[in-house]
Amino acid sequence: MKIHSTIRKWGNSLAVRITGPLKTIPHFSANMPIEIEVNEKGLTIHAIHPKKKKSLIYTEAQLLKGLTPKTAHADEVVNIIQREFDNHE
């Protein structure tokens, strides 16, 4: 599809209005993120469709259910002392 339009001044910028079939065929909508590719011939505009959020298998509560200091191996945590950080040159 080709539609003739005019580049207009909009503040300090230039703008092209996307109207009628130009907005309905590619399903453009207000505030939709787009990608603009520029080359010697002109511009190509593509809608950026957000990626679907992946649902996790387990919730945080399910992962932590039944966790105790013993099952978390908290008894194996090492107490680090300052001299281990000191430079021994």
PDB file of N, CA and C in Angstrom:
ATOM      1  N   MET A   1       0.847  -1.169   0.000  1.00  0.00           N
ATOM      2  CA  MET A   1       0.000   0.000   0.000  1.00  0.00           C
ATOM      3  C   MET A   1       0.892   1.232   0.000  1.00  0.00           C
ATOM      4  N   LYS A   2       0.537   2.195  -0.789  1.00  0.00           N
ATOM      5  CA  LYS A   2       1.256   3.465  -0.821  1.00  0.00           C
ATOM      6  C   LYS A   2       0.244   4.580  -0.606  1.00  0.00           C
ATOM      7  N   ILE A   3       0.603   5.506   0.270  1.00  0.00           N
ATOM      8  CA  ILE A   3      -0.223   6.682   0.525  1.00  0.00           C
ATOM      9  C   ILE A   3       0.706   7.883   0.495  1.00  0.00           C
ATOM     10  N   HIS A   4       0.290   8.926  -0.179  1.00  0.00           N
ATOM     11  CA  HIS A   4       1.098  10.147  -0.243  1.00  0.00           C
ATOM     12  C   HIS A   4       0.776  11.003   0.976  1.00  0.00           C
ATOM     13  N   SER A   5       1.824  11.577   1.561  1.00  0.00           N
ATOM     14  CA  SER A   5       1.671  12.424   2.738  1.00  0.00           C
ATOM     15  C   SER A   5       2.712  13.530   2.649  1.00  0.00           C
ATOM     16  N   THR A   6       2.758  14.383   3.661  1.00  0.00           N
ATOM     17  CA  THR A   6       3.702  15.495   3.676  1.00  0.00           C
ATOM     18  C   THR A   6       4.405  15.537   5.024  1.00  0.00           C
ATOM     19  N   ILE A   7       5.706  15.762   4.985  1.00  0.00           N
ATOM     20  CA  ILE A   7       6.446  15.963   6.225  1.00  0.00           C
ATOM     21  C   ILE A   7       6.155  17.377   6.696  1.00  0.00           C
ATOM     22  N   ARG A   8       5.770  17.529   7.948  1.00  0.00           N
ATOM     23  CA  ARG A   8       5.417  18.844   8.506  1.00  0.00           C
ATOM     24  C   ARG A   8       6.329  19.174   9.682  1.00  0.00           C
ATOM     25  N   LYS A   9       6.399  20.454   9.975  1.00  0.00           N
ATOM     26  CA  LYS A   9       7.153  20.918  11.137  1.00  0.00           C
ATOM     27  C   LYS A   9       6.302  20.707  12.388  1.00  0.00           C
ATOM     28  N   TRP A  10       6.950  20.198  13.440  1.00  0.00           N
ATOM     29  CA  TRP A  10       6.265  19.984  14.717  1.00  0.00           C
ATOM     30  C   TRP A  10       7.235  20.438  15.795  1.00  0.00           C
ATOM     31  N   GLY A  11       7.050  21.659  16.297  1.00  0.00           N
ATOM     32  CA  GLY A  11       8.017  22.246  17.222  1.00  0.00           C
ATOM     33  C   GLY A  11       9.329  22.430  16.499  1.00  0.00           C
ATOM     34  N   ASN A  12      10.407  21.897  17.073  1.00  0.00           N
ATOM     35  CA  ASN A  12      11.723  21.958  16.432  1.00  0.00           C
ATOM     36  C   ASN A  12      12.001  20.715  15.603  1.00  0.00           C
ATOM     37  N   SER A  13      11.008  19.858  15.432  1.00  0.00           N
ATOM     38  CA  SER A  13      11.199  18.588  14.736  1.00  0.00           C
ATOM     39  C   SER A  13      10.379  18.527  13.458  1.00  0.00           C
ATOM     40  N   LEU A  14      10.568  17.449  12.720  1.00  0.00           N
ATOM     41  CA  LEU A  14       9.753  17.149  11.561  1.00  0.00           C
ATOM     42  C   LEU A  14       8.891  15.942  11.910  1.00  0.00           C
ATOM     43  N   ALA A  15       7.672  15.872  11.343  1.00  0.00           N
ATOM     44  CA  ALA A  15       6.769  14.777  11.690  1.00  0.00           C
ATOM     45  C   ALA A  15       5.960  14.342  10.483  1.00  0.00           C
ATOM     46  N   VAL A  16       5.586  13.076  10.495  1.00  0.00           N
ATOM     47  CA  VAL A  16       4.662  12.515   9.521  1.00  0.00           C
ATOM     48  C   VAL A  16       3.515  11.923  10.325  1.00  0.00           C
ATOM     49  N   ARG A  17       2.296  12.302  10.007  1.00  0.00           N
ATOM     50  CA  ARG A  17       1.136  11.757  10.713  1.00  0.00           C
ATOM     51  C   ARG A  17       0.810  10.374  10.171  1.00  0.00           C
ATOM     52  N   ILE A  18       0.529   9.454  11.062  1.00  0.00           N
ATOM     53  CA  ILE A  18       0.128   8.102  10.673  1.00  0.00           C
ATOM     54  C   ILE A  18      -1.375   8.034  10.857  1.00  0.00           C
ATOM     55  N   THR A  19      -2.106   8.047   9.750  1.00  0.00           N
ATOM     56  CA  THR A  19      -3.564   8.120   9.811  1.00  0.00           C
ATOM     57  C   THR A  19      -4.204   6.961   9.066  1.00  0.00           C
ATOM     58  N   GLY A  20      -5.504   6.811   9.253  1.00  0.00           N
ATOM     59  CA  GLY A  20      -6.320   5.850   8.515  1.00  0.00           C
ATOM     60  C   GLY A  20      -5.703   4.481   8.401  1.00  0.00           C
ATOM     61  N   PRO A  21      -5.623   3.953   7.166  1.00  0.00           N
ATOM     62  CA  PRO A  21      -5.104   2.606   6.960  1.00  0.00           C
ATOM     63  C   PRO A  21      -3.650   2.441   7.384  1.00  0.00           C
ATOM     64  N   LEU A  22      -2.902   3.548   7.397  1.00  0.00           N
ATOM     65  CA  LEU A  22      -1.503   3.461   7.820  1.00  0.00           C
ATOM     66  C   LEU A  22      -1.374   3.010   9.265  1.00  0.00           C
ATOM     67  N   LYS A  23      -2.366   3.300  10.091  1.00  0.00           N
ATOM     68  CA  LYS A  23      -2.261   2.888  11.490  1.00  0.00           C
ATOM     69  C   LYS A  23      -3.011   1.587  11.768  1.00  0.00           C
ATOM     70  N   THR A  24      -3.984   1.242  10.951  1.00  0.00           N
ATOM     71  CA  THR A  24      -4.770   0.045  11.243  1.00  0.00           C
ATOM     72  C   THR A  24      -4.156  -1.231  10.691  1.00  0.00           C
ATOM     73  N   ILE A  25      -3.516  -1.151   9.544  1.00  0.00           N
ATOM     74  CA  ILE A  25      -2.946  -2.367   8.951  1.00  0.00           C
ATOM     75  C   ILE A  25      -1.809  -2.930   9.801  1.00  0.00           C
ATOM     76  N   PRO A  26      -0.834  -2.115  10.243  1.00  0.00           N
ATOM     77  CA  PRO A  26       0.211  -2.690  11.092  1.00  0.00           C
ATOM     78  C   PRO A  26      -0.175  -2.689  12.577  1.00  0.00           C
ATOM     79  N   HIS A  27      -1.417  -2.312  12.873  1.00  0.00           N
ATOM     80  CA  HIS A  27      -1.926  -2.296  14.258  1.00  0.00           C
ATOM     81  C   HIS A  27      -1.139  -1.339  15.149  1.00  0.00           C
ATOM     82  N   PHE A  28      -0.814  -0.162  14.627  1.00  0.00           N
ATOM     83  CA  PHE A  28      -0.162   0.854  15.443  1.00  0.00           C
ATOM     84  C   PHE A  28      -1.177   1.450  16.410  1.00  0.00           C
ATOM     85  N   SER A  29      -0.697   1.861  17.584  1.00  0.00           N
ATOM     86  CA  SER A  29      -1.552   2.548  18.547  1.00  0.00           C
ATOM     87  C   SER A  29      -0.722   3.599  19.282  1.00  0.00           C
ATOM     88  N   ALA A  30      -1.400   4.491  19.976  1.00  0.00           N
ATOM     89  CA  ALA A  30      -0.708   5.564  20.701  1.00  0.00           C
ATOM     90  C   ALA A  30       0.230   4.970  21.743  1.00  0.00           C
ATOM     91  N   ASN A  31       1.384   5.562  21.894  1.00  0.00           N
ATOM     92  CA  ASN A  31       2.409   5.178  22.870  1.00  0.00           C
ATOM     93  C   ASN A  31       3.031   3.811  22.614  1.00  0.00           C
ATOM     94  N   MET A  32       2.805   3.258  21.439  1.00  0.00           N
ATOM     95  CA  MET A  32       3.389   1.957  21.098  1.00  0.00           C
ATOM     96  C   MET A  32       4.863   2.141  20.780  1.00  0.00           C
ATOM     97  N   PRO A  33       5.747   1.305  21.336  1.00  0.00           N
ATOM     98  CA  PRO A  33       7.161   1.420  20.987  1.00  0.00           C
ATOM     99  C   PRO A  33       7.385   0.964  19.550  1.00  0.00           C
ATOM    100  N   ILE A  34       8.248   1.692  18.853  1.00  0.00           N
ATOM    101  CA  ILE A  34       8.537   1.362  17.461  1.00  0.00           C
ATOM    102  C   ILE A  34      10.043   1.359  17.238  1.00  0.00           C
ATOM    103  N   GLU A  35      10.446   0.754  16.140  1.00  0.00           N
ATOM    104  CA  GLU A  35      11.831   0.772  15.709  1.00  0.00           C
ATOM    105  C   GLU A  35      11.850   1.444  14.341  1.00  0.00           C
ATOM    106  N   ILE A  36      12.723   2.417  14.173  1.00  0.00           N
ATOM    107  CA  ILE A  36      12.824   3.128  12.905  1.00  0.00           C
ATOM    108  C   ILE A  36      14.179   2.808  12.283  1.00  0.00           C
ATOM    109  N   GLU A  37      14.141   2.244  11.094  1.00  0.00           N
ATOM    110  CA  GLU A  37      15.363   1.932  10.358  1.00  0.00           C
ATOM    111  C   GLU A  37      15.548   3.000   9.290  1.00  0.00           C
ATOM    112  N   VAL A  38      16.723   3.588   9.247  1.00  0.00           N
ATOM    113  CA  VAL A  38      17.014   4.654   8.295  1.00  0.00           C
ATOM    114  C   VAL A  38      18.071   4.162   7.311  1.00  0.00           C
ATOM    115  N   ASN A  39      17.815   4.390   6.029  1.00  0.00           N
ATOM    116  CA  ASN A  39      18.813   4.079   5.010  1.00  0.00           C
ATOM    117  C   ASN A  39      18.734   5.154   3.924  1.00  0.00           C
ATOM    118  N   GLU A  40      19.481   4.969   2.842  1.00  0.00           N
ATOM    119  CA  GLU A  40      19.540   5.979   1.785  1.00  0.00           C
ATOM    120  C   GLU A  40      18.183   6.218   1.123  1.00  0.00           C
ATOM    121  N   LYS A  41      17.341   5.196   1.081  1.00  0.00           N
ATOM    122  CA  LYS A  41      16.037   5.312   0.426  1.00  0.00           C
ATOM    123  C   LYS A  41      14.993   5.994   1.301  1.00  0.00           C
ATOM    124  N   GLY A  42      15.135   5.904   2.609  1.00  0.00           N
ATOM    125  CA  GLY A  42      14.140   6.516   3.485  1.00  0.00           C
ATOM    126  C   GLY A  42      14.059   5.828   4.838  1.00  0.00           C
ATOM    127  N   LEU A  43      12.841   5.737   5.365  1.00  0.00           N
ATOM    128  CA  LEU A  43      12.599   5.184   6.692  1.00  0.00           C
ATOM    129  C   LEU A  43      11.739   3.932   6.601  1.00  0.00           C
ATOM    130  N   THR A  44      11.974   3.008   7.512  1.00  0.00           N
ATOM    131  CA  THR A  44      11.102   1.855   7.688  1.00  0.00           C
ATOM    132  C   THR A  44      10.730   1.818   9.155  1.00  0.00           C
ATOM    133  N   ILE A  45       9.439   1.725   9.450  1.00  0.00           N
ATOM    134  CA  ILE A  45       8.960   1.729  10.831  1.00  0.00           C
ATOM    135  C   ILE A  45       8.359   0.364  11.143  1.00  0.00           C
ATOM    136  N   HIS A  46       8.812  -0.219  12.251  1.00  0.00           N
ATOM    137  CA  HIS A  46       8.302  -1.508  12.704  1.00  0.00           C
ATOM    138  C   HIS A  46       7.804  -1.374  14.132  1.00  0.00           C
ATOM    139  N   ALA A  47       6.670  -1.992  14.424  1.00  0.00           N
ATOM    140  CA  ALA A  47       6.178  -2.034  15.803  1.00  0.00           C
ATOM    141  C   ALA A  47       7.056  -2.985  16.594  1.00  0.00           C
ATOM    142  N   ILE A  48       7.330  -2.636  17.832  1.00  0.00           N
ATOM    143  CA  ILE A  48       8.065  -3.521  18.735  1.00  0.00           C
ATOM    144  C   ILE A  48       7.039  -4.130  19.671  1.00  0.00           C
ATOM    145  N   HIS A  49       6.822  -5.403  19.514  1.00  0.00           N
ATOM    146  CA  HIS A  49       5.843  -6.087  20.362  1.00  0.00           C
ATOM    147  C   HIS A  49       6.557  -6.611  21.597  1.00  0.00           C
ATOM    148  N   PRO A  50       6.044  -6.260  22.782  1.00  0.00           N
ATOM    149  CA  PRO A  50       6.706  -6.712  24.006  1.00  0.00           C
ATOM    150  C   PRO A  50       6.702  -8.242  24.095  1.00  0.00           C
ATOM    151  N   LYS A  51       7.775  -8.761  24.624  1.00  0.00           N
ATOM    152  CA  LYS A  51       7.871 -10.204  24.794  1.00  0.00           C
ATOM    153  C   LYS A  51       6.929 -10.638  25.909  1.00  0.00           C
ATOM    154  N   LYS A  52       6.341 -11.782  25.716  1.00  0.00           N
ATOM    155  CA  LYS A  52       5.445 -12.301  26.741  1.00  0.00           C
ATOM    156  C   LYS A  52       6.239 -12.653  27.988  1.00  0.00           C
ATOM    157  N   LYS A  53       5.687 -12.298  29.125  1.00  0.00           N
ATOM    158  CA  LYS A  53       6.343 -12.586  30.389  1.00  0.00           C
ATOM    159  C   LYS A  53       6.255 -14.081  30.650  1.00  0.00           C
ATOM    160  N   LYS A  54       7.389 -14.666  30.947  1.00  0.00           N
ATOM    161  CA  LYS A  54       7.413 -16.094  31.229  1.00  0.00           C
ATOM    162  C   LYS A  54       6.863 -16.340  32.630  1.00  0.00           C
ATOM    163  N   SER A  55       6.021 -17.330  32.736  1.00  0.00           N
ATOM    164  CA  SER A  55       5.525 -17.675  34.061  1.00  0.00           C
ATOM    165  C   SER A  55       6.475 -18.694  34.671  1.00  0.00           C
ATOM    166  N   LEU A  56       6.768 -18.519  35.919  1.00  0.00           N
ATOM    167  CA  LEU A  56       7.695 -19.398  36.608  1.00  0.00           C
ATOM    168  C   LEU A  56       6.967 -20.638  37.112  1.00  0.00           C
ATOM    169  N   ILE A  57       7.686 -21.716  37.217  1.00  0.00           N
ATOM    170  CA  ILE A  57       7.093 -22.974  37.654  1.00  0.00           C
ATOM    171  C   ILE A  57       6.695 -22.907  39.124  1.00  0.00           C
ATOM    172  N   TYR A  58       7.562 -22.304  39.950  1.00  0.00           N
ATOM    173  CA  TYR A  58       7.317 -22.237  41.381  1.00  0.00           C
ATOM    174  C   TYR A  58       7.281 -20.781  41.840  1.00  0.00           C
ATOM    175  N   THR A  59       6.488 -20.513  42.868  1.00  0.00           N
ATOM    176  CA  THR A  59       6.491 -19.194  43.483  1.00  0.00           C
ATOM    177  C   THR A  59       7.603 -19.148  44.519  1.00  0.00           C
ATOM    178  N   GLU A  60       7.939 -17.952  44.956  1.00  0.00           N
ATOM    179  CA  GLU A  60       8.958 -17.815  45.993  1.00  0.00           C
ATOM    180  C   GLU A  60       8.524 -18.542  47.258  1.00  0.00           C
ATOM    181  N   ALA A  61       7.248 -18.411  47.600  1.00  0.00           N
ATOM    182  CA  ALA A  61       6.738 -19.079  48.805  1.00  0.00           C
ATOM    183  C   ALA A  61       6.880 -20.597  48.706  1.00  0.00           C
ATOM    184  N   GLN A  62       6.616 -21.154  47.519  1.00  0.00           N
ATOM    185  CA  GLN A  62       6.753 -22.597  47.334  1.00  0.00           C
ATOM    186  C   GLN A  62       8.210 -23.031  47.466  1.00  0.00           C
ATOM    187  N   LEU A  63       9.122 -22.227  46.958  1.00  0.00           N
ATOM    188  CA  LEU A  63      10.539 -22.570  47.055  1.00  0.00           C
ATOM    189  C   LEU A  63      11.049 -22.516  48.494  1.00  0.00           C
ATOM    190  N   LEU A  64      10.504 -21.592  49.277  1.00  0.00           N
ATOM    191  CA  LEU A  64      10.975 -21.424  50.654  1.00  0.00           C
ATOM    192  C   LEU A  64      10.205 -22.268  51.662  1.00  0.00           C
ATOM    193  N   LYS A  65       9.149 -22.906  51.222  1.00  0.00           N
ATOM    194  CA  LYS A  65       8.316 -23.706  52.126  1.00  0.00           C
ATOM    195  C   LYS A  65       9.155 -24.829  52.749  1.00  0.00           C
ATOM    196  N   GLY A  66       9.110 -24.908  54.069  1.00  0.00           N
ATOM    197  CA  GLY A  66       9.833 -25.955  54.789  1.00  0.00           C
ATOM    198  C   GLY A  66      11.312 -25.678  54.978  1.00  0.00           C
ATOM    199  N   LEU A  67      11.788 -24.518  54.536  1.00  0.00           N
ATOM    200  CA  LEU A  67      13.200 -24.196  54.678  1.00  0.00           C
ATOM    201  C   LEU A  67      13.491 -23.822  56.125  1.00  0.00           C
ATOM    202  N   THR A  68      14.477 -24.457  56.696  1.00  0.00           N
ATOM    203  CA  THR A  68      14.908 -24.171  58.065  1.00  0.00           C
ATOM    204  C   THR A  68      16.405 -23.887  58.017  1.00  0.00           C
ATOM    205  N   PRO A  69      16.971 -23.349  59.106  1.00  0.00           N
ATOM    206  CA  PRO A  69      18.425 -23.149  59.114  1.00  0.00           C
ATOM    207  C   PRO A  69      19.178 -24.461  58.834  1.00  0.00           C
ATOM    208  N   LYS A  70      18.650 -25.567  59.297  1.00  0.00           N
ATOM    209  CA  LYS A  70      19.305 -26.857  59.082  1.00  0.00           C
ATOM    210  C   LYS A  70      19.247 -27.257  57.601  1.00  0.00           C
ATOM    211  N   THR A  71      18.039 -27.164  56.990  1.00  0.00           N
ATOM    212  CA  THR A  71      17.917 -27.568  55.589  1.00  0.00           C
ATOM    213  C   THR A  71      18.580 -26.558  54.646  1.00  0.00           C
ATOM    214  N   ALA A  72      18.776 -25.334  55.118  1.00  0.00           N
ATOM    215  CA  ALA A  72      19.466 -24.320  54.315  1.00  0.00           C
ATOM    216  C   ALA A  72      20.979 -24.397  54.532  1.00  0.00           C
ATOM    217  N   HIS A  73      21.412 -25.318  55.383  1.00  0.00           N
ATOM    218  CA  HIS A  73      22.824 -25.516  55.715  1.00  0.00           C
ATOM    219  C   HIS A  73      23.434 -24.265  56.329  1.00  0.00           C
ATOM    220  N   ALA A  74      22.611 -23.517  57.081  1.00  0.00           N
ATOM    221  CA  ALA A  74      23.105 -22.320  57.764  1.00  0.00           C
ATOM    222  C   ALA A  74      24.150 -22.683  58.805  1.00  0.00           C
ATOM    223  N   ASP A  75      24.136 -23.935  59.273  1.00  0.00           N
ATOM    224  CA  ASP A  75      25.133 -24.369  60.247  1.00  0.00           C
ATOM    225  C   ASP A  75      26.525 -24.498  59.613  1.00  0.00           C
ATOM    226  N   GLU A  76      26.591 -24.455  58.289  1.00  0.00           N
ATOM    227  CA  GLU A  76      27.855 -24.584  57.586  1.00  0.00           C
ATOM    228  C   GLU A  76      28.435 -23.243  57.149  1.00  0.00           C
ATOM    229  N   VAL A  77      27.785 -22.141  57.533  1.00  0.00           N
ATOM    230  CA  VAL A  77      28.273 -20.823  57.157  1.00  0.00           C
ATOM    231  C   VAL A  77      29.557 -20.540  57.931  1.00  0.00           C
ATOM    232  N   VAL A  78      30.568 -20.089  57.230  1.00  0.00           N
ATOM    233  CA  VAL A  78      31.869 -19.829  57.824  1.00  0.00           C
ATOM    234  C   VAL A  78      31.902 -18.406  58.359  1.00  0.00           C
ATOM    235  N   ASN A  79      32.456 -18.241  59.542  1.00  0.00           N
ATOM    236  CA  ASN A  79      32.661 -16.905  60.100  1.00  0.00           C
ATOM    237  C   ASN A  79      34.028 -16.410  59.637  1.00  0.00           C
ATOM    238  N   ILE A  80      34.012 -15.381  58.827  1.00  0.00           N
ATOM    239  CA  ILE A  80      35.251 -14.834  58.289  1.00  0.00           C
ATOM    240  C   ILE A  80      35.796 -13.808  59.273  1.00  0.00           C
ATOM    241  N   ILE A  81      37.096 -13.867  59.512  1.00  0.00           N
ATOM    242  CA  ILE A  81      37.713 -12.909  60.434  1.00  0.00           C
ATOM    243  C   ILE A  81      38.527 -11.896  59.631  1.00  0.00           C
ATOM    244  N   GLN A  82      38.755 -10.744  60.225  1.00  0.00           N
ATOM    245  CA  GLN A  82      39.384  -9.625  59.539  1.00  0.00           C
ATOM    246  C   GLN A  82      40.753  -9.968  58.976  1.00  0.00           C
ATOM    247  N   ARG A  83      41.553 -10.730  59.684  1.00  0.00           N
ATOM    248  CA  ARG A  83      42.917 -10.991  59.225  1.00  0.00           C
ATOM    249  C   ARG A  83      42.922 -11.780  57.906  1.00  0.00           C
ATOM    250  N   GLU A  84      41.831 -12.447  57.575  1.00  0.00           N
ATOM    251  CA  GLU A  84      41.752 -13.149  56.287  1.00  0.00           C
ATOM    252  C   GLU A  84      41.700 -12.153  55.127  1.00  0.00           C
ATOM    253  N   PHE A  85      41.285 -10.930  55.412  1.00  0.00           N
ATOM    254  CA  PHE A  85      41.229  -9.899  54.406  1.00  0.00           C
ATOM    255  C   PHE A  85      42.492  -9.059  54.366  1.00  0.00           C
ATOM    256  N   ASP A  86      43.292  -9.110  55.414  1.00  0.00           N
ATOM    257  CA  ASP A  86      44.503  -8.297  55.476  1.00  0.00           C
ATOM    258  C   ASP A  86      45.520  -8.791  54.452  1.00  0.00           C
ATOM    259  N   ASN A  87      46.305  -7.858  53.965  1.00  0.00           N
ATOM    260  CA  ASN A  87      47.332  -8.178  52.977  1.00  0.00           C
ATOM    261  C   ASN A  87      48.548  -8.753  53.686  1.00  0.00           C
ATOM    262  N   HIS A  88      48.932  -9.997  53.357  1.00  0.00           N
ATOM    263  CA  HIS A  88      50.063 -10.661  53.995  1.00  0.00           C
ATOM    264  C   HIS A  88      51.254 -10.707  53.046  1.00  0.00           C
ATOM    265  N   GLU A  89      51.838  -9.580  52.791  1.00  0.00           N
ATOM    266  CA  GLU A  89      52.977  -9.531  51.862  1.00  0.00           C
ATOM    267  C   GLU A  89      54.264  -9.795  52.564  1.00  0.00           C
TER     268      GLU A  89
END
